[in-house]
Amino acid sequence: MAPIAQSKLTAQGQVSVPAEVRRRLGVGPGAILEWDAQGGTIVVRRAGRYSSEDVHRAVFPKGRPRTRAVAQLKAGIRRYIKKHHARG
């Protein structure tokens, strides 16, 4: 199987992410990538977009948990994500 692309490691330990890889990952400047060991290989992937803290704030905006239905939780998460992560 042929590789998608190749990169060269600089003396400072930096590597450029080839355009085809950026396109496939859907990433651009400022994106966070995760590097993970899986057996004898290293896998690079786009980091999750929302932290557990983002989700917690969406579910508990006042900081005090209360009992909610699943539909209410999902609606709260949607509102929070739209408000804080909307693309302009």
PDB file of N, CA and C in Angstrom:
ATOM      1  N   MET A   1       0.849  -1.176   0.000  1.00  0.00           N
ATOM      2  CA  MET A   1       0.000   0.000   0.000  1.00  0.00           C
ATOM      3  C   MET A   1       0.893   1.237   0.000  1.00  0.00           C
ATOM      4  N   ALA A   2       0.675   2.157  -0.903  1.00  0.00           N
ATOM      5  CA  ALA A   2       1.483   3.374  -1.010  1.00  0.00           C
ATOM      6  C   ALA A   2       1.034   4.401   0.025  1.00  0.00           C
ATOM      7  N   PRO A   3       1.972   5.175   0.572  1.00  0.00           N
ATOM      8  CA  PRO A   3       1.602   6.206   1.542  1.00  0.00           C
ATOM      9  C   PRO A   3       0.816   7.338   0.875  1.00  0.00           C
ATOM     10  N   ILE A   4       0.011   8.042   1.672  1.00  0.00           N
ATOM     11  CA  ILE A   4      -0.743   9.195   1.174  1.00  0.00           C
ATOM     12  C   ILE A   4       0.227  10.294   0.771  1.00  0.00           C
ATOM     13  N   ALA A   5       1.220  10.542   1.640  1.00  0.00           N
ATOM     14  CA  ALA A   5       2.198  11.608   1.405  1.00  0.00           C
ATOM     15  C   ALA A   5       3.392  11.376   2.315  1.00  0.00           C
ATOM     16  N   GLN A   6       4.429  12.177   2.128  1.00  0.00           N
ATOM     17  CA  GLN A   6       5.608  12.100   2.980  1.00  0.00           C
ATOM     18  C   GLN A   6       5.928  13.485   3.528  1.00  0.00           C
ATOM     19  N   SER A   7       6.577  13.515   4.693  1.00  0.00           N
ATOM     20  CA  SER A   7       7.031  14.759   5.298  1.00  0.00           C
ATOM     21  C   SER A   7       8.462  14.573   5.744  1.00  0.00           C
ATOM     22  N   LYS A   8       9.166  15.686   5.856  1.00  0.00           N
ATOM     23  CA  LYS A   8      10.549  15.655   6.313  1.00  0.00           C
ATOM     24  C   LYS A   8      10.620  16.305   7.691  1.00  0.00           C
ATOM     25  N   LEU A   9      11.292  15.666   8.620  1.00  0.00           N
ATOM     26  CA  LEU A   9      11.465  16.168   9.978  1.00  0.00           C
ATOM     27  C   LEU A   9      12.594  17.194   9.995  1.00  0.00           C
ATOM     28  N   THR A  10      12.341  18.377  10.597  1.00  0.00           N
ATOM     29  CA  THR A  10      13.376  19.409  10.674  1.00  0.00           C
ATOM     30  C   THR A  10      14.296  19.132  11.861  1.00  0.00           C
ATOM     31  N   ALA A  11      15.387  19.857  11.930  1.00  0.00           N
ATOM     32  CA  ALA A  11      16.330  19.720  13.044  1.00  0.00           C
ATOM     33  C   ALA A  11      15.676  20.093  14.372  1.00  0.00           C
ATOM     34  N   GLN A  12      14.626  20.909  14.330  1.00  0.00           N
ATOM     35  CA  GLN A  12      13.908  21.304  15.547  1.00  0.00           C
ATOM     36  C   GLN A  12      12.801  20.320  15.920  1.00  0.00           C
ATOM     37  N   GLY A  13      12.686  19.239  15.187  1.00  0.00           N
ATOM     38  CA  GLY A  13      11.667  18.223  15.483  1.00  0.00           C
ATOM     39  C   GLY A  13      10.292  18.569  14.940  1.00  0.00           C
ATOM     40  N   GLN A  14      10.215  19.493  14.001  1.00  0.00           N
ATOM     41  CA  GLN A  14       8.947  19.894  13.415  1.00  0.00           C
ATOM     42  C   GLN A  14       8.702  19.138  12.114  1.00  0.00           C
ATOM     43  N   VAL A  15       7.430  18.993  11.797  1.00  0.00           N
ATOM     44  CA  VAL A  15       7.058  18.321  10.557  1.00  0.00           C
ATOM     45  C   VAL A  15       5.883  19.076   9.937  1.00  0.00           C
ATOM     46  N   SER A  16       5.875  19.220   8.618  1.00  0.00           N
ATOM     47  CA  SER A  16       4.746  19.833   7.920  1.00  0.00           C
ATOM     48  C   SER A  16       3.736  18.752   7.611  1.00  0.00           C
ATOM     49  N   VAL A  17       2.460  19.091   7.750  1.00  0.00           N
ATOM     50  CA  VAL A  17       1.396  18.139   7.413  1.00  0.00           C
ATOM     51  C   VAL A  17       1.030  18.394   5.957  1.00  0.00           C
ATOM     52  N   PRO A  18       1.208  17.404   5.095  1.00  0.00           N
ATOM     53  CA  PRO A  18       0.932  17.577   3.673  1.00  0.00           C
ATOM     54  C   PRO A  18      -0.527  17.971   3.413  1.00  0.00           C
ATOM     55  N   ALA A  19      -0.744  18.715   2.325  1.00  0.00           N
ATOM     56  CA  ALA A  19      -2.073  19.213   1.980  1.00  0.00           C
ATOM     57  C   ALA A  19      -3.114  18.098   1.902  1.00  0.00           C
ATOM     58  N   GLU A  20      -2.776  16.967   1.308  1.00  0.00           N
ATOM     59  CA  GLU A  20      -3.729  15.864   1.179  1.00  0.00           C
ATOM     60  C   GLU A  20      -4.146  15.334   2.550  1.00  0.00           C
ATOM     61  N   VAL A  21      -3.218  15.260   3.485  1.00  0.00           N
ATOM     62  CA  VAL A  21      -3.530  14.792   4.837  1.00  0.00           C
ATOM     63  C   VAL A  21      -4.411  15.823   5.548  1.00  0.00           C
ATOM     64  N   ARG A  22      -4.079  17.107   5.421  1.00  0.00           N
ATOM     65  CA  ARG A  22      -4.907  18.164   6.027  1.00  0.00           C
ATOM     66  C   ARG A  22      -6.325  18.110   5.472  1.00  0.00           C
ATOM     67  N   ARG A  23      -6.423  17.892   4.175  1.00  0.00           N
ATOM     68  CA  ARG A  23      -7.751  17.819   3.548  1.00  0.00           C
ATOM     69  C   ARG A  23      -8.547  16.637   4.096  1.00  0.00           C
ATOM     70  N   ARG A  24      -7.916  15.490   4.164  1.00  0.00           N
ATOM     71  CA  ARG A  24      -8.607  14.293   4.659  1.00  0.00           C
ATOM     72  C   ARG A  24      -9.001  14.407   6.127  1.00  0.00           C
ATOM     73  N   LEU A  25      -8.170  15.078   6.921  1.00  0.00           N
ATOM     74  CA  LEU A  25      -8.483  15.262   8.346  1.00  0.00           C
ATOM     75  C   LEU A  25      -9.443  16.425   8.568  1.00  0.00           C
ATOM     76  N   GLY A  26      -9.568  17.289   7.573  1.00  0.00           N
ATOM     77  CA  GLY A  26     -10.424  18.460   7.716  1.00  0.00           C
ATOM     78  C   GLY A  26      -9.851  19.468   8.707  1.00  0.00           C
ATOM     79  N   VAL A  27      -8.533  19.693   8.642  1.00  0.00           N
ATOM     80  CA  VAL A  27      -7.875  20.598   9.585  1.00  0.00           C
ATOM     81  C   VAL A  27      -7.213  21.753   8.858  1.00  0.00           C
ATOM     82  N   GLY A  28      -6.961  22.820   9.608  1.00  0.00           N
ATOM     83  CA  GLY A  28      -6.286  23.990   9.077  1.00  0.00           C
ATOM     84  C   GLY A  28      -5.423  24.598  10.166  1.00  0.00           C
ATOM     85  N   PRO A  29      -4.969  25.821   9.958  1.00  0.00           N
ATOM     86  CA  PRO A  29      -4.119  26.488  10.947  1.00  0.00           C
ATOM     87  C   PRO A  29      -4.774  26.526  12.334  1.00  0.00           C
ATOM     88  N   GLY A  30      -4.006  26.201  13.334  1.00  0.00           N
ATOM     89  CA  GLY A  30      -4.502  26.213  14.709  1.00  0.00           C
ATOM     90  C   GLY A  30      -5.170  24.919  15.155  1.00  0.00           C
ATOM     91  N   ALA A  31      -5.366  23.983  14.226  1.00  0.00           N
ATOM     92  CA  ALA A  31      -6.006  22.714  14.583  1.00  0.00           C
ATOM     93  C   ALA A  31      -5.093  21.917  15.509  1.00  0.00           C
ATOM     94  N   ILE A  32      -5.704  21.140  16.378  1.00  0.00           N
ATOM     95  CA  ILE A  32      -4.968  20.279  17.296  1.00  0.00           C
ATOM     96  C   ILE A  32      -5.013  18.852  16.744  1.00  0.00           C
ATOM     97  N   LEU A  33      -3.843  18.227  16.647  1.00  0.00           N
ATOM     98  CA  LEU A  33      -3.754  16.840  16.195  1.00  0.00           C
ATOM     99  C   LEU A  33      -3.334  15.960  17.362  1.00  0.00           C
ATOM    100  N   GLU A  34      -3.869  14.751  17.402  1.00  0.00           N
ATOM    101  CA  GLU A  34      -3.485  13.764  18.409  1.00  0.00           C
ATOM    102  C   GLU A  34      -2.591  12.723  17.756  1.00  0.00           C
ATOM    103  N   TRP A  35      -1.551  12.319  18.466  1.00  0.00           N
ATOM    104  CA  TRP A  35      -0.638  11.271  18.021  1.00  0.00           C
ATOM    105  C   TRP A  35      -0.822  10.113  18.983  1.00  0.00           C
ATOM    106  N   ASP A  36      -1.066   8.910  18.455  1.00  0.00           N
ATOM    107  CA  ASP A  36      -1.350   7.758  19.307  1.00  0.00           C
ATOM    108  C   ASP A  36      -0.583   6.542  18.791  1.00  0.00           C
ATOM    109  N   ALA A  37      -0.059   5.751  19.721  1.00  0.00           N
ATOM    110  CA  ALA A  37       0.630   4.505  19.361  1.00  0.00           C
ATOM    111  C   ALA A  37      -0.394   3.377  19.315  1.00  0.00           C
ATOM    112  N   GLN A  38      -0.413   2.651  18.209  1.00  0.00           N
ATOM    113  CA  GLN A  38      -1.293   1.492  18.059  1.00  0.00           C
ATOM    114  C   GLN A  38      -0.449   0.347  17.518  1.00  0.00           C
ATOM    115  N   GLY A  39      -0.043  -0.511  18.419  1.00  0.00           N
ATOM    116  CA  GLY A  39       0.846  -1.593  18.027  1.00  0.00           C
ATOM    117  C   GLY A  39       2.185  -1.022  17.622  1.00  0.00           C
ATOM    118  N   GLY A  40       2.643  -1.348  16.433  1.00  0.00           N
ATOM    119  CA  GLY A  40       3.930  -0.871  15.951  1.00  0.00           C
ATOM    120  C   GLY A  40       3.832   0.368  15.074  1.00  0.00           C
ATOM    121  N   THR A  41       2.665   1.040  15.071  1.00  0.00           N
ATOM    122  CA  THR A  41       2.496   2.226  14.236  1.00  0.00           C
ATOM    123  C   THR A  41       2.061   3.428  15.072  1.00  0.00           C
ATOM    124  N   ILE A  42       2.216   4.605  14.507  1.00  0.00           N
ATOM    125  CA  ILE A  42       1.738   5.836  15.129  1.00  0.00           C
ATOM    126  C   ILE A  42       0.590   6.359  14.273  1.00  0.00           C
ATOM    127  N   VAL A  43      -0.508   6.680  14.907  1.00  0.00           N
ATOM    128  CA  VAL A  43      -1.695   7.179  14.221  1.00  0.00           C
ATOM    129  C   VAL A  43      -1.870   8.651  14.567  1.00  0.00           C
ATOM    130  N   VAL A  44      -2.096   9.473  13.544  1.00  0.00           N
ATOM    131  CA  VAL A  44      -2.357  10.894  13.738  1.00  0.00           C
ATOM    132  C   VAL A  44      -3.807  11.144  13.369  1.00  0.00           C
ATOM    133  N   ARG A  45      -4.536  11.855  14.261  1.00  0.00           N
ATOM    134  CA  ARG A  45      -5.935  12.165  13.982  1.00  0.00           C
ATOM    135  C   ARG A  45      -6.273  13.549  14.523  1.00  0.00           C
ATOM    136  N   ARG A  46      -7.347  14.105  14.036  1.00  0.00           N
ATOM    137  CA  ARG A  46      -7.843  15.390  14.528  1.00  0.00           C
ATOM    138  C   ARG A  46      -8.332  15.180  15.962  1.00  0.00           C
ATOM    139  N   ALA A  47      -7.949  16.078  16.850  1.00  0.00           N
ATOM    140  CA  ALA A  47      -8.391  15.988  18.240  1.00  0.00           C
ATOM    141  C   ALA A  47      -9.885  16.267  18.324  1.00  0.00           C
ATOM    142  N   GLY A  48     -10.510  15.757  19.376  1.00  0.00           N
ATOM    143  CA  GLY A  48     -11.929  16.016  19.590  1.00  0.00           C
ATOM    144  C   GLY A  48     -12.201  17.508  19.638  1.00  0.00           C
ATOM    145  N   ARG A  49     -13.334  17.900  19.141  1.00  0.00           N
ATOM    146  CA  ARG A  49     -13.653  19.317  19.039  1.00  0.00           C
ATOM    147  C   ARG A  49     -14.123  19.917  20.353  1.00  0.00           C
ATOM    148  N   TYR A  50     -14.740  19.130  21.217  1.00  0.00           N
ATOM    149  CA  TYR A  50     -15.291  19.660  22.451  1.00  0.00           C
ATOM    150  C   TYR A  50     -14.727  18.894  23.635  1.00  0.00           C
ATOM    151  N   SER A  51     -14.302  19.619  24.633  1.00  0.00           N
ATOM    152  CA  SER A  51     -13.763  18.986  25.834  1.00  0.00           C
ATOM    153  C   SER A  51     -14.910  18.573  26.746  1.00  0.00           C
ATOM    154  N   SER A  52     -14.603  17.739  27.726  1.00  0.00           N
ATOM    155  CA  SER A  52     -15.621  17.348  28.699  1.00  0.00           C
ATOM    156  C   SER A  52     -16.086  18.571  29.482  1.00  0.00           C
ATOM    157  N   GLU A  53     -15.204  19.559  29.640  1.00  0.00           N
ATOM    158  CA  GLU A  53     -15.586  20.796  30.322  1.00  0.00           C
ATOM    159  C   GLU A  53     -16.628  21.563  29.503  1.00  0.00           C
ATOM    160  N   ASP A  54     -16.478  21.592  28.177  1.00  0.00           N
ATOM    161  CA  ASP A  54     -17.484  22.224  27.316  1.00  0.00           C
ATOM    162  C   ASP A  54     -18.848  21.556  27.508  1.00  0.00           C
ATOM    163  N   VAL A  55     -18.861  20.248  27.504  1.00  0.00           N
ATOM    164  CA  VAL A  55     -20.110  19.505  27.660  1.00  0.00           C
ATOM    165  C   VAL A  55     -20.705  19.767  29.042  1.00  0.00           C
ATOM    166  N   HIS A  56     -19.874  19.764  30.086  1.00  0.00           N
ATOM    167  CA  HIS A  56     -20.366  19.996  31.447  1.00  0.00           C
ATOM    168  C   HIS A  56     -21.020  21.377  31.553  1.00  0.00           C
ATOM    169  N   ARG A  57     -20.374  22.403  30.989  1.00  0.00           N
ATOM    170  CA  ARG A  57     -20.952  23.752  31.030  1.00  0.00           C
ATOM    171  C   ARG A  57     -22.273  23.817  30.268  1.00  0.00           C
ATOM    172  N   ALA A  58     -22.381  23.062  29.177  1.00  0.00           N
ATOM    173  CA  ALA A  58     -23.623  23.053  28.413  1.00  0.00           C
ATOM    174  C   ALA A  58     -24.746  22.386  29.194  1.00  0.00           C
ATOM    175  N   VAL A  59     -24.414  21.331  29.895  1.00  0.00           N
ATOM    176  CA  VAL A  59     -25.423  20.594  30.655  1.00  0.00           C
ATOM    177  C   VAL A  59     -25.774  21.326  31.952  1.00  0.00           C
ATOM    178  N   PHE A  60     -24.790  21.943  32.593  1.00  0.00           N
ATOM    179  CA  PHE A  60     -24.983  22.619  33.875  1.00  0.00           C
ATOM    180  C   PHE A  60     -24.547  24.084  33.783  1.00  0.00           C
ATOM    181  N   PRO A  61     -25.290  24.928  33.049  1.00  0.00           N
ATOM    182  CA  PRO A  61     -24.854  26.306  32.840  1.00  0.00           C
ATOM    183  C   PRO A  61     -24.730  27.119  34.128  1.00  0.00           C
ATOM    184  N   LYS A  62     -25.489  26.812  35.151  1.00  0.00           N
ATOM    185  CA  LYS A  62     -25.429  27.553  36.410  1.00  0.00           C
ATOM    186  C   LYS A  62     -24.473  26.894  37.397  1.00  0.00           C
ATOM    187  N   GLY A  63     -23.860  25.783  37.012  1.00  0.00           N
ATOM    188  CA  GLY A  63     -22.926  25.083  37.884  1.00  0.00           C
ATOM    189  C   GLY A  63     -23.575  24.138  38.871  1.00  0.00           C
ATOM    190  N   ARG A  64     -24.897  24.089  38.884  1.00  0.00           N
ATOM    191  CA  ARG A  64     -25.601  23.222  39.841  1.00  0.00           C
ATOM    192  C   ARG A  64     -26.429  22.194  39.082  1.00  0.00           C
ATOM    193  N   PRO A  65     -26.053  20.913  39.163  1.00  0.00           N
ATOM    194  CA  PRO A  65     -26.789  19.875  38.432  1.00  0.00           C
ATOM    195  C   PRO A  65     -28.222  19.709  38.947  1.00  0.00           C
ATOM    196  N   ARG A  66     -29.111  19.391  38.039  1.00  0.00           N
ATOM    197  CA  ARG A  66     -30.475  19.013  38.420  1.00  0.00           C
ATOM    198  C   ARG A  66     -30.940  17.926  37.465  1.00  0.00           C
ATOM    199  N   THR A  67     -31.953  17.221  37.811  1.00  0.00           N
ATOM    200  CA  THR A  67     -32.446  16.124  36.995  1.00  0.00           C
ATOM    201  C   THR A  67     -33.068  16.676  35.711  1.00  0.00           C
ATOM    202  N   ARG A  68     -32.658  16.100  34.586  1.00  0.00           N
ATOM    203  CA  ARG A  68     -33.178  16.515  33.282  1.00  0.00           C
ATOM    204  C   ARG A  68     -33.417  15.298  32.410  1.00  0.00           C
ATOM    205  N   ALA A  69     -34.331  15.446  31.471  1.00  0.00           N
ATOM    206  CA  ALA A  69     -34.588  14.400  30.486  1.00  0.00           C
ATOM    207  C   ALA A  69     -33.483  14.441  29.436  1.00  0.00           C
ATOM    208  N   VAL A  70     -33.275  13.344  28.741  1.00  0.00           N
ATOM    209  CA  VAL A  70     -32.244  13.267  27.709  1.00  0.00           C
ATOM    210  C   VAL A  70     -32.457  14.344  26.644  1.00  0.00           C
ATOM    211  N   ALA A  71     -33.693  14.579  26.252  1.00  0.00           N
ATOM    212  CA  ALA A  71     -33.981  15.600  25.240  1.00  0.00           C
ATOM    213  C   ALA A  71     -33.551  16.982  25.732  1.00  0.00           C
ATOM    214  N   GLN A  72     -33.742  17.261  27.018  1.00  0.00           N
ATOM    215  CA  GLN A  72     -33.326  18.547  27.579  1.00  0.00           C
ATOM    216  C   GLN A  72     -31.800  18.662  27.580  1.00  0.00           C
ATOM    217  N   LEU A  73     -31.119  17.579  27.905  1.00  0.00           N
ATOM    218  CA  LEU A  73     -29.653  17.587  27.896  1.00  0.00           C
ATOM    219  C   LEU A  73     -29.127  17.870  26.491  1.00  0.00           C
ATOM    220  N   LYS A  74     -29.684  17.181  25.502  1.00  0.00           N
ATOM    221  CA  LYS A  74     -29.231  17.374  24.120  1.00  0.00           C
ATOM    222  C   LYS A  74     -29.509  18.799  23.651  1.00  0.00           C
ATOM    223  N   ALA A  75     -30.659  19.349  24.002  1.00  0.00           N
ATOM    224  CA  ALA A  75     -30.999  20.722  23.606  1.00  0.00           C
ATOM    225  C   ALA A  75     -30.027  21.714  24.246  1.00  0.00           C
ATOM    226  N   GLY A  76     -29.682  21.495  25.500  1.00  0.00           N
ATOM    227  CA  GLY A  76     -28.732  22.368  26.189  1.00  0.00           C
ATOM    228  C   GLY A  76     -27.349  22.319  25.558  1.00  0.00           C
ATOM    229  N   ILE A  77     -26.920  21.139  25.200  1.00  0.00           N
ATOM    230  CA  ILE A  77     -25.607  20.977  24.550  1.00  0.00           C
ATOM    231  C   ILE A  77     -25.617  21.691  23.200  1.00  0.00           C
ATOM    232  N   ARG A  78     -26.695  21.515  22.417  1.00  0.00           N
ATOM    233  CA  ARG A  78     -26.807  22.175  21.116  1.00  0.00           C
ATOM    234  C   ARG A  78     -26.745  23.693  21.254  1.00  0.00           C
ATOM    235  N   ARG A  79     -27.495  24.248  22.228  1.00  0.00           N
ATOM    236  CA  ARG A  79     -27.494  25.708  22.435  1.00  0.00           C
ATOM    237  C   ARG A  79     -26.095  26.201  22.789  1.00  0.00           C
ATOM    238  N   TYR A  80     -25.435  25.499  23.686  1.00  0.00           N
ATOM    239  CA  TYR A  80     -24.100  25.921  24.122  1.00  0.00           C
ATOM    240  C   TYR A  80     -23.110  25.883  22.962  1.00  0.00           C
ATOM    241  N   ILE A  81     -23.107  24.806  22.199  1.00  0.00           N
ATOM    242  CA  ILE A  81     -22.164  24.644  21.097  1.00  0.00           C
ATOM    243  C   ILE A  81     -22.425  25.720  20.036  1.00  0.00           C
ATOM    244  N   LYS A  82     -23.694  25.971  19.705  1.00  0.00           N
ATOM    245  CA  LYS A  82     -24.007  27.002  18.719  1.00  0.00           C
ATOM    246  C   LYS A  82     -23.521  28.370  19.205  1.00  0.00           C
ATOM    247  N   LYS A  83     -23.747  28.670  20.465  1.00  0.00           N
ATOM    248  CA  LYS A  83     -23.379  29.982  21.005  1.00  0.00           C
ATOM    249  C   LYS A  83     -21.863  30.176  21.060  1.00  0.00           C
ATOM    250  N   HIS A  84     -21.128  29.146  21.493  1.00  0.00           N
ATOM    251  CA  HIS A  84     -19.695  29.285  21.733  1.00  0.00           C
ATOM    252  C   HIS A  84     -18.801  28.830  20.587  1.00  0.00           C
ATOM    253  N   HIS A  85     -19.349  28.083  19.639  1.00  0.00           N
ATOM    254  CA  HIS A  85     -18.495  27.538  18.578  1.00  0.00           C
ATOM    255  C   HIS A  85     -19.082  27.766  17.187  1.00  0.00           C
ATOM    256  N   ALA A  86     -19.935  28.765  17.059  1.00  0.00           N
ATOM    257  CA  ALA A  86     -20.550  29.047  15.749  1.00  0.00           C
ATOM    258  C   ALA A  86     -19.491  29.593  14.792  1.00  0.00           C
ATOM    259  N   ARG A  87     -19.579  29.157  13.569  1.00  0.00           N
ATOM    260  CA  ARG A  87     -18.673  29.670  12.527  1.00  0.00           C
ATOM    261  C   ARG A  87     -19.335  30.885  11.902  1.00  0.00           C
ATOM    262  N   GLY A  88     -18.563  31.949  11.747  1.00  0.00           N
ATOM    263  CA  GLY A  88     -19.148  33.199  11.241  1.00  0.00           C
ATOM    264  C   GLY A  88     -18.960  33.430   9.843  1.00  0.00           C
TER     265      GLY A  88
END
